[in-house]
C-alpha atoms as a PDB file:
ATOM      1  CA  PRO A   1     128.134 144.268  89.714  1.00  0.00           C
ATOM      2  CA  GLN A   2     126.623 147.740  89.117  1.00  0.00           C
ATOM      3  CA  ILE A   3     125.412 146.739  85.646  1.00  0.00           C
ATOM      4  CA  LEU A   4     123.940 143.530  87.055  1.00  0.00           C
ATOM      5  CA  GLY A   5     122.217 145.517  89.799  1.00  0.00           C
ATOM      6  CA  VAL A   6     120.727 147.930  87.246  1.00  0.00           C
ATOM      7  CA  LYS A   7     119.469 144.996  85.141  1.00  0.00           C
ATOM      8  CA  MET A   8     117.866 143.316  88.156  1.00  0.00           C
ATOM      9  CA  LEU A   9     116.216 146.596  89.199  1.00  0.00           C
ATOM     10  CA  SER A  10     114.936 147.149  85.655  1.00  0.00           C
ATOM     11  CA  THR A  11     113.529 143.621  85.540  1.00  0.00           C
ATOM     12  CA  SER A  12     111.841 144.131  88.922  1.00  0.00           C
ATOM     13  CA  ILE A  13     110.285 147.432  87.789  1.00  0.00           C
ATOM     14  CA  PHE A  14     109.152 145.897  84.506  1.00  0.00           C
ATOM     15  CA  THR A  15     107.541 142.940  86.305  1.00  0.00           C
ATOM     16  CA  ALA A  16     105.770 145.189  88.806  1.00  0.00           C
ATOM     17  CA  THR A  17     104.517 147.456  86.003  1.00  0.00           C
ATOM     18  CA  ALA A  18     103.320 144.490  83.942  1.00  0.00           C
ATOM     19  CA  ASN A  19     101.501 143.017  86.938  1.00  0.00           C
ATOM     20  CA  SER A  20      99.868 146.355  87.753  1.00  0.00           C
ATOM     21  CA  THR A  21      98.755 146.786  84.140  1.00  0.00           C
ATOM     22  CA  LEU A  22      97.362 143.262  84.050  1.00  0.00           C
ATOM     23  CA  GLU A  23      95.504 143.880  87.314  1.00  0.00           C
ATOM     24  CA  LEU A  24      93.894 146.981  85.802  1.00  0.00           C
ATOM     25  CA  LEU A  25      92.870 145.122  82.651  1.00  0.00           C
ATOM     26  CA  ALA A  26      91.733 141.937  84.401  1.00  0.00           C
ATOM     27  CA  PRO A  27      91.322 142.459  88.169  1.00  0.00           C
ATOM     28  CA  THR A  28      91.873 139.498  90.453  1.00  0.00           C
ATOM     29  CA  ARG A  29      88.563 137.946  91.466  1.00  0.00           C
ATOM     30  CA  CYS A  30      87.575 135.334  94.007  1.00  0.00           C
ATOM     31  CA  VAL A  31      87.434 131.975  92.222  1.00  0.00           C
ATOM     32  CA  VAL A  32      84.289 131.047  94.146  1.00  0.00           C
ATOM     33  CA  CYS A  33      82.066 134.163  94.206  1.00  0.00           C
ATOM     34  CA  GLU A  34      83.960 136.338  91.678  1.00  0.00           C
ATOM     35  CA  LYS A  35      84.174 139.271  94.080  1.00  0.00           C
ATOM     36  CA  PRO A  36      87.168 141.452  93.031  1.00  0.00           C
ATOM     37  CA  GLY A  37      90.216 141.693  95.273  1.00  0.00           C
ATOM     38  CA  GLN A  38      91.557 138.248  96.206  1.00  0.00           C
ATOM     39  CA  LEU A  39      91.786 134.788  94.670  1.00  0.00           C
ATOM     40  CA  LEU A  40      89.768 133.520  97.634  1.00  0.00           C
ATOM     41  CA  CYS A  41      87.881 136.206  99.537  1.00  0.00           C
ATOM     42  CA  ARG A  42      87.505 136.177 103.314  1.00  0.00           C
ATOM     43  CA  GLU A  43      83.828 135.247 103.149  1.00  0.00           C
ATOM     44  CA  CYS A  44      84.506 132.214 100.955  1.00  0.00           C
ATOM     45  CA  GLN A  45      87.482 131.284 103.131  1.00  0.00           C
ATOM     46  CA  SER A  46      85.130 131.134 106.101  1.00  0.00           C
ATOM     47  CA  LYS A  47      82.858 128.725 104.218  1.00  0.00           C
ATOM     48  CA  LEU A  48      85.536 126.193 103.284  1.00  0.00           C
ATOM     49  CA  PRO A  49      84.359 122.659 104.233  1.00  0.00           C
ATOM     50  CA  TRP A  50      87.346 121.682 106.382  1.00  0.00           C
ATOM     51  CA  ILE A  51      87.468 118.091 107.568  1.00  0.00           C
ATOM     52  CA  SER A  52      87.974 117.702 111.316  1.00  0.00           C
ATOM     53  CA  GLN A  53      91.046 115.478 111.517  1.00  0.00           C
ATOM     54  CA  GLN A  54      90.051 114.372 114.996  1.00  0.00           C
ATOM     55  CA  TRP A  55      87.106 112.464 113.522  1.00  0.00           C
ATOM     56  CA  ALA A  56      88.465 111.638 110.061  1.00  0.00           C
ATOM     57  CA  CYS A  57      89.178 108.050 109.067  1.00  0.00           C
ATOM     58  CA  PRO A  58      92.895 107.432 109.747  1.00  0.00           C
ATOM     59  CA  ASN A  59      92.903 104.965 106.855  1.00  0.00           C
ATOM     60  CA  CYS A  60      91.268 106.770 103.899  1.00  0.00           C
ATOM     61  CA  GLY A  61      90.766 110.313 105.227  1.00  0.00           C
ATOM     62  CA  ALA A  62      86.958 110.330 104.927  1.00  0.00           C
ATOM     63  CA  PRO A  63      85.142 112.685 107.342  1.00  0.00           C
ATOM     64  CA  PHE A  64      83.646 111.167 110.494  1.00  0.00           C
ATOM     65  CA  GLY A  65      85.163 107.746 109.726  1.00  0.00           C
ATOM     66  CA  LYS A  66      87.364 107.409 112.793  1.00  0.00           C
ATOM     67  CA  LEU A  67      85.257 104.733 114.510  1.00  0.00           C
ATOM     68  CA  VAL A  68      83.404 103.123 111.593  1.00  0.00           C
ATOM     69  CA  CYS A  69      84.234 104.288 108.067  1.00  0.00           C
ATOM     70  CA  SER A  70      81.543 103.598 105.469  1.00  0.00           C
ATOM     71  CA  GLU A  71      84.080 104.176 102.691  1.00  0.00           C
ATOM     72  CA  CYS A  72      86.528 101.546 103.935  1.00  0.00           C
ATOM     73  CA  MET A  73      83.823  99.051 104.877  1.00  0.00           C
ATOM     74  CA  ASP A  74      81.863  99.212 101.606  1.00  0.00           C
ATOM     75  CA  LYS A  75      83.699  96.669  99.443  1.00  0.00           C
ATOM     76  CA  LYS A  76      81.310  97.280  96.548  1.00  0.00           C
ATOM     77  CA  LYS A  77      82.393 100.907  96.287  1.00  0.00           C
ATOM     78  CA  ARG A  78      86.162 100.425  96.461  1.00  0.00           C
ATOM     79  CA  PRO A  79      88.827  98.038  97.773  1.00  0.00           C
ATOM     80  CA  VAL A  80      89.650  98.383 101.461  1.00  0.00           C
ATOM     81  CA  GLU A  81      93.414  97.924 100.950  1.00  0.00           C
ATOM     82  CA  TRP A  82      94.720 101.462 100.700  1.00  0.00           C
ATOM     83  CA  GLU A  83      98.414 100.458 101.103  1.00  0.00           C
ATOM     84  CA  SER A  84      99.526 103.926 102.206  1.00  0.00           C
ATOM     85  CA  ARG A  85     100.214 104.468 105.890  1.00  0.00           C
ATOM     86  CA  THR A  86      97.426 107.038 106.201  1.00  0.00           C
ATOM     87  CA  VAL A  87      95.436 109.409 103.994  1.00  0.00           C
ATOM     88  CA  ILE A  88      94.877 112.991 105.137  1.00  0.00           C
ATOM     89  CA  CYS A  89      92.447 115.219 103.232  1.00  0.00           C
ATOM     90  CA  ALA A  90      91.844 118.879 103.980  1.00  0.00           C
ATOM     91  CA  MET A  91      88.240 119.323 102.805  1.00  0.00           C
ATOM     92  CA  GLY A  92      85.202 117.783 101.233  1.00  0.00           C
ATOM     93  CA  PHE A  93      85.191 118.122  97.463  1.00  0.00           C
ATOM     94  CA  LYS A  94      81.934 119.953  96.742  1.00  0.00           C
ATOM     95  CA  GLY A  95      81.754 123.731  96.501  1.00  0.00           C
ATOM     96  CA  PRO A  96      84.829 125.961  96.952  1.00  0.00           C
ATOM     97  CA  PRO A  97      87.454 123.143  96.878  1.00  0.00           C
ATOM     98  CA  ALA A  98      86.131 121.933  93.518  1.00  0.00           C
ATOM     99  CA  ARG A  99      86.315 125.486  92.185  1.00  0.00           C
ATOM    100  CA  LEU A 100      89.889 125.879  93.445  1.00  0.00           C
ATOM    101  CA  ILE A 101      91.032 122.709  91.708  1.00  0.00           C
ATOM    102  CA  LEU A 102      89.182 123.275  88.442  1.00  0.00           C
ATOM    103  CA  THR A 103      90.301 126.910  88.214  1.00  0.00           C
ATOM    104  CA  LEU A 104      93.919 125.865  88.686  1.00  0.00           C
ATOM    105  CA  LYS A 105      93.757 122.937  86.257  1.00  0.00           C
ATOM    106  CA  ASP A 106      91.425 124.143  83.537  1.00  0.00           C
ATOM    107  CA  GLY A 107      91.362 127.893  84.200  1.00  0.00           C
ATOM    108  CA  HIS A 108      95.173 128.092  84.271  1.00  0.00           C
ATOM    109  CA  GLU A 109      95.122 130.261  87.401  1.00  0.00           C
ATOM    110  CA  LEU A 110      98.582 129.144  88.515  1.00  0.00           C
ATOM    111  CA  ARG A 111      98.560 131.481  91.524  1.00  0.00           C
ATOM    112  CA  LEU A 112      96.264 128.967  93.216  1.00  0.00           C
ATOM    113  CA  ALA A 113      99.050 126.372  93.534  1.00  0.00           C
ATOM    114  CA  PRO A 114     100.495 127.850  96.779  1.00  0.00           C
ATOM    115  CA  VAL A 115      96.947 128.365  98.120  1.00  0.00           C
ATOM    116  CA  ILE A 116      96.178 124.664  97.682  1.00  0.00           C
ATOM    117  CA  ALA A 117      99.588 123.693  99.052  1.00  0.00           C
ATOM    118  CA  ALA A 118      99.000 125.772 102.202  1.00  0.00           C
ATOM    119  CA  ALA A 119      95.569 124.200 102.710  1.00  0.00           C
ATOM    120  CA  ILE A 120      97.022 120.683 102.503  1.00  0.00           C
ATOM    121  CA  LEU A 121      99.774 121.632 104.967  1.00  0.00           C
ATOM    122  CA  CYS A 122      97.161 122.981 107.415  1.00  0.00           C
ATOM    123  CA  ALA A 123      95.334 119.642 107.330  1.00  0.00           C
ATOM    124  CA  LEU A 124      98.563 117.698 107.811  1.00  0.00           C
ATOM    125  CA  GLU A 125      99.542 119.827 110.804  1.00  0.00           C
ATOM    126  CA  GLU A 126      96.112 119.315 112.373  1.00  0.00           C
ATOM    127  CA  ALA A 127      96.349 115.562 111.739  1.00  0.00           C
ATOM    128  CA  SER A 128      99.697 115.450 113.534  1.00  0.00           C
ATOM    129  CA  ALA A 129      97.788 115.638 116.836  1.00  0.00           C
ATOM    130  CA  TRP A 130      96.009 112.329 116.123  1.00  0.00           C
ATOM    131  CA  ARG A 131      97.212 108.766 115.699  1.00  0.00           C
ATOM    132  CA  ALA A 132      97.235 106.529 112.650  1.00  0.00           C
ATOM    133  CA  PHE A 133      96.436 102.810 112.861  1.00  0.00           C
ATOM    134  CA  ASP A 134     100.101 102.054 113.576  1.00  0.00           C
ATOM    135  CA  GLY A 135      99.887 104.109 116.792  1.00  0.00           C
ATOM    136  CA  ALA A 136     102.207 106.890 115.617  1.00  0.00           C
ATOM    137  CA  SER A 137     101.196 110.438 114.721  1.00  0.00           C
ATOM    138  CA  ARG A 138      99.277 110.611 111.447  1.00  0.00           C
ATOM    139  CA  PHE A 139     101.765 113.218 110.240  1.00  0.00           C
ATOM    140  CA  ASP A 140     105.238 114.089 111.463  1.00  0.00           C
ATOM    141  CA  SER A 141     107.263 116.339 109.150  1.00  0.00           C
ATOM    142  CA  SER A 142     110.494 115.263 110.847  1.00  0.00           C
ATOM    143  CA  MET A 143     109.829 111.712 109.647  1.00  0.00           C
ATOM    144  CA  ILE A 144     109.290 112.731 106.003  1.00  0.00           C
ATOM    145  CA  ASP A 145     112.301 112.427 103.686  1.00  0.00           C
ATOM    146  CA  GLY A 146     110.691 113.925 100.597  1.00  0.00           C
ATOM    147  CA  VAL A 147     107.527 114.977  98.819  1.00  0.00           C
ATOM    148  CA  SER A 148     106.192 113.347  95.669  1.00  0.00           C
ATOM    149  CA  PHE A 149     102.958 113.879  93.746  1.00  0.00           C
ATOM    150  CA  ILE A 150     100.471 112.066  91.529  1.00  0.00           C
ATOM    151  CA  PRO A 151     101.574 113.075  88.022  1.00  0.00           C
ATOM    152  CA  ALA A 152      99.249 114.242  85.280  1.00  0.00           C
ATOM    153  CA  THR A 153      98.584 111.963  82.344  1.00  0.00           C
ATOM    154  CA  ALA A 154     100.472 112.713  79.133  1.00  0.00           C
ATOM    155  CA  GLU A 155      97.156 113.727  77.562  1.00  0.00           C
ATOM    156  CA  ALA A 156      96.332 116.164  80.368  1.00  0.00           C
ATOM    157  CA  TYR A 157      99.826 117.661  80.298  1.00  0.00           C
ATOM    158  CA  ALA A 158      99.625 118.198  76.539  1.00  0.00           C
ATOM    159  CA  ARG A 159      96.201 119.833  76.890  1.00  0.00           C
ATOM    160  CA  ARG A 160      97.115 122.181  79.756  1.00  0.00           C
ATOM    161  CA  GLY A 161     100.819 122.733  79.160  1.00  0.00           C
ATOM    162  CA  PHE A 162     101.665 122.104  82.822  1.00  0.00           C
ATOM    163  CA  ASP A 163     101.213 119.571  85.617  1.00  0.00           C
ATOM    164  CA  HIS A 164      99.087 121.239  88.279  1.00  0.00           C
ATOM    165  CA  MET A 165     100.175 118.868  91.056  1.00  0.00           C
ATOM    166  CA  GLU A 166     103.814 119.492  90.239  1.00  0.00           C
ATOM    167  CA  LEU A 167     103.178 123.196  90.857  1.00  0.00           C
ATOM    168  CA  VAL A 168     101.352 122.415  94.106  1.00  0.00           C
ATOM    169  CA  ALA A 169     104.157 120.093  95.242  1.00  0.00           C
ATOM    170  CA  GLN A 170     106.802 122.715  94.454  1.00  0.00           C
ATOM    171  CA  SER A 171     104.901 125.316  96.479  1.00  0.00           C
ATOM    172  CA  PHE A 172     104.376 122.828  99.304  1.00  0.00           C
ATOM    173  CA  CYS A 173     108.103 122.066  99.495  1.00  0.00           C
ATOM    174  CA  GLN A 174     108.926 125.771  99.639  1.00  0.00           C
ATOM    175  CA  ILE A 175     106.462 126.314 102.484  1.00  0.00           C
ATOM    176  CA  ALA A 176     107.311 123.152 104.451  1.00  0.00           C
ATOM    177  CA  GLY A 177     111.055 123.128 103.783  1.00  0.00           C
ATOM    178  CA  LEU A 178     111.023 119.572 102.403  1.00  0.00           C
ATOM    179  CA  PRO A 179     112.780 118.251  99.277  1.00  0.00           C
ATOM    180  CA  LEU A 180     110.794 117.386  96.165  1.00  0.00           C
ATOM    181  CA  TYR A 181     111.033 113.808  94.870  1.00  0.00           C
ATOM    182  CA  ASP A 182     109.810 114.141  91.280  1.00  0.00           C
ATOM    183  CA  VAL A 183     110.060 110.409  90.590  1.00  0.00           C
ATOM    184  CA  LEU A 184     106.645 109.335  89.272  1.00  0.00           C
ATOM    185  CA  VAL A 185     105.477 109.345  85.647  1.00  0.00           C
ATOM    186  CA  ARG A 186     102.136 108.375  84.129  1.00  0.00           C
ATOM    187  CA  PRO A 187     102.483 108.180  80.325  1.00  0.00           C
ATOM    188  CA  HIS A 188      99.722 105.690  79.519  1.00  0.00           C
ATOM    189  CA  ALA A 189      96.609 106.321  81.632  1.00  0.00           C
ATOM    190  CA  LYS A 190      93.571 108.181  80.336  1.00  0.00           C
ATOM    191  CA  ASP A 191      91.871 111.077  82.102  1.00  0.00           C
ATOM    192  CA  GLN A 192      90.064 109.696  85.179  1.00  0.00           C
ATOM    193  CA  ARG A 193      87.199 112.151  85.505  1.00  0.00           C
ATOM    194  CA  THR A 194      84.650 110.306  83.367  1.00  0.00           C
ATOM    195  CA  LEU A 195      85.529 106.792  84.546  1.00  0.00           C
ATOM    196  CA  SER A 196      83.737 104.615  87.099  1.00  0.00           C
ATOM    197  CA  SER A 197      85.487 103.132  90.138  1.00  0.00           C
ATOM    198  CA  VAL A 198      86.181  99.844  88.359  1.00  0.00           C
ATOM    199  CA  GLN A 199      87.298 101.617  85.184  1.00  0.00           C
ATOM    200  CA  ARG A 200      89.672 103.832  87.170  1.00  0.00           C
ATOM    201  CA  HIS A 201      91.296 100.794  88.756  1.00  0.00           C
ATOM    202  CA  ILE A 202      91.762  99.096  85.363  1.00  0.00           C
ATOM    203  CA  ASN A 203      92.908 102.319  83.704  1.00  0.00           C
ATOM    204  CA  LEU A 204      95.658 102.923  86.256  1.00  0.00           C
ATOM    205  CA  LYS A 205      96.954  99.374  86.689  1.00  0.00           C
ATOM    206  CA  GLY A 206     100.570  99.423  85.571  1.00  0.00           C
ATOM    207  CA  SER A 207     100.298 102.985  84.272  1.00  0.00           C
ATOM    208  CA  ILE A 208     102.482 104.728  86.878  1.00  0.00           C
ATOM    209  CA  ALA A 209     106.225 104.159  87.036  1.00  0.00           C
ATOM    210  CA  CYS A 210     109.027 105.289  89.354  1.00  0.00           C
ATOM    211  CA  THR A 211     112.014 106.780  87.532  1.00  0.00           C
ATOM    212  CA  ALA A 212     114.614 106.984  90.316  1.00  0.00           C
ATOM    213  CA  PRO A 213     115.749 104.969  93.348  1.00  0.00           C
ATOM    214  CA  VAL A 214     113.946 105.893  96.570  1.00  0.00           C
ATOM    215  CA  ASN A 215     115.176 103.139  98.881  1.00  0.00           C
ATOM    216  CA  GLN A 216     114.036 103.285 102.519  1.00  0.00           C
ATOM    217  CA  SER A 217     112.534 106.762 102.122  1.00  0.00           C
ATOM    218  CA  ASN A 218     109.452 108.011 103.933  1.00  0.00           C
ATOM    219  CA  ILE A 219     107.407 109.789 101.281  1.00  0.00           C
ATOM    220  CA  LEU A 220     104.597 112.325 101.503  1.00  0.00           C
ATOM    221  CA  LEU A 221     102.491 111.780  98.372  1.00  0.00           C
ATOM    222  CA  LEU A 222     100.329 114.735  97.293  1.00  0.00           C
ATOM    223  CA  ASP A 223      97.174 114.702  95.180  1.00  0.00           C
ATOM    224  CA  ASP A 224      94.342 117.132  94.513  1.00  0.00           C
ATOM    225  CA  VAL A 225      91.301 114.888  95.017  1.00  0.00           C
ATOM    226  CA  VAL A 226      90.895 111.416  96.498  1.00  0.00           C
ATOM    227  CA  THR A 227      87.838 109.898  94.826  1.00  0.00           C
ATOM    228  CA  THR A 228      88.069 106.123  94.609  1.00  0.00           C
ATOM    229  CA  GLY A 229      91.732 106.192  95.651  1.00  0.00           C
ATOM    230  CA  ALA A 230      92.836 104.364  92.483  1.00  0.00           C
ATOM    231  CA  SER A 231      95.596 106.840  91.558  1.00  0.00           C
ATOM    232  CA  MET A 232      96.882 107.022  95.102  1.00  0.00           C
ATOM    233  CA  ARG A 233      96.907 103.251  95.560  1.00  0.00           C
ATOM    234  CA  GLU A 234      98.733 102.639  92.284  1.00  0.00           C
ATOM    235  CA  ALA A 235     101.327 105.326  93.042  1.00  0.00           C
ATOM    236  CA  THR A 236     101.808 103.935  96.551  1.00  0.00           C
ATOM    237  CA  ARG A 237     102.234 100.412  95.177  1.00  0.00           C
ATOM    238  CA  VAL A 238     104.860 101.628  92.700  1.00  0.00           C
ATOM    239  CA  LEU A 239     106.764 103.585  95.343  1.00  0.00           C
ATOM    240  CA  CYS A 240     106.779 100.641  97.752  1.00  0.00           C
ATOM    241  CA  ALA A 241     107.973  98.346  94.959  1.00  0.00           C
ATOM    242  CA  ALA A 242     110.816 100.815  94.355  1.00  0.00           C
ATOM    243  CA  GLY A 243     111.928 100.487  97.974  1.00  0.00           C
ATOM    244  CA  VAL A 244     110.058 103.254  99.776  1.00  0.00           C
ATOM    245  CA  HIS A 245     109.671 102.522 103.482  1.00  0.00           C
ATOM    246  CA  SER A 246     106.327 104.294 104.007  1.00  0.00           C
ATOM    247  CA  VAL A 247     103.879 106.538 102.154  1.00  0.00           C
ATOM    248  CA  THR A 248     101.656 109.181 103.736  1.00  0.00           C
ATOM    249  CA  VAL A 249      99.069 110.749 101.444  1.00  0.00           C
ATOM    250  CA  GLY A 250      97.995 114.389 101.631  1.00  0.00           C
ATOM    251  CA  ALA A 251      95.215 115.793  99.431  1.00  0.00           C
ATOM    252  CA  LEU A 252      93.125 118.921  99.217  1.00  0.00           C
ATOM    253  CA  ALA A 253      89.745 117.260  98.829  1.00  0.00           C
ATOM    254  CA  ARG A 254      87.965 113.972  99.570  1.00  0.00           C
ATOM    255  CA  VAL A 255      84.952 112.609  97.711  1.00  0.00           C
ATOM    256  CA  TRP A 256      82.752 110.328  99.795  1.00  0.00           C
END
């Protein structure tokens, strides 16, 4: 036990020293304004474009869509059948949220995963005070059996060496005290970022699969950005086909 304790102490000291050295060589900077000190400085935190869940669309999560949602009504832009029970998004996509996501994914700043997870949880907790179309609370953690996430494509995983939403989901589960259901895979789809709404729908059709039984579970499905909703709808369809009772979607950002 003494030897083990010495080894653990040595490892802790080594890690702290390495982190301090790294901080001296490459100081932590705000991902938005690049001010040294924090990953997201207080000033940029105050400018985050939070969506008011009171007025958000209970169907697709778009801001100010509670009464009449232009995103759900415009059939030319995207299908109105979202399939999930409700979609809850923390912020609009432009500005700081876009920087957070891109810096995590393409900048490999993995320390942003718990930051994004906490932001999604804040939006979910705010949404719990408002009703979904089924009359129940838009989010109730006591009714969630597990957390899943939209997986990265095989191409994206090979390019980055990690799945950013897996990291976010792991952090979310640690914060919220919920189990992780890592049951979705996406081996065939191409990267979505350069595709149109129609192309995204075609690209994702049949590309997501469920690898484990999830019968009668109530799932919280996490994603970084809801754009056309193609990824979320396909994942929801697959989960429901695998026996999931209901799917609630939580995302950091919403494009509208």
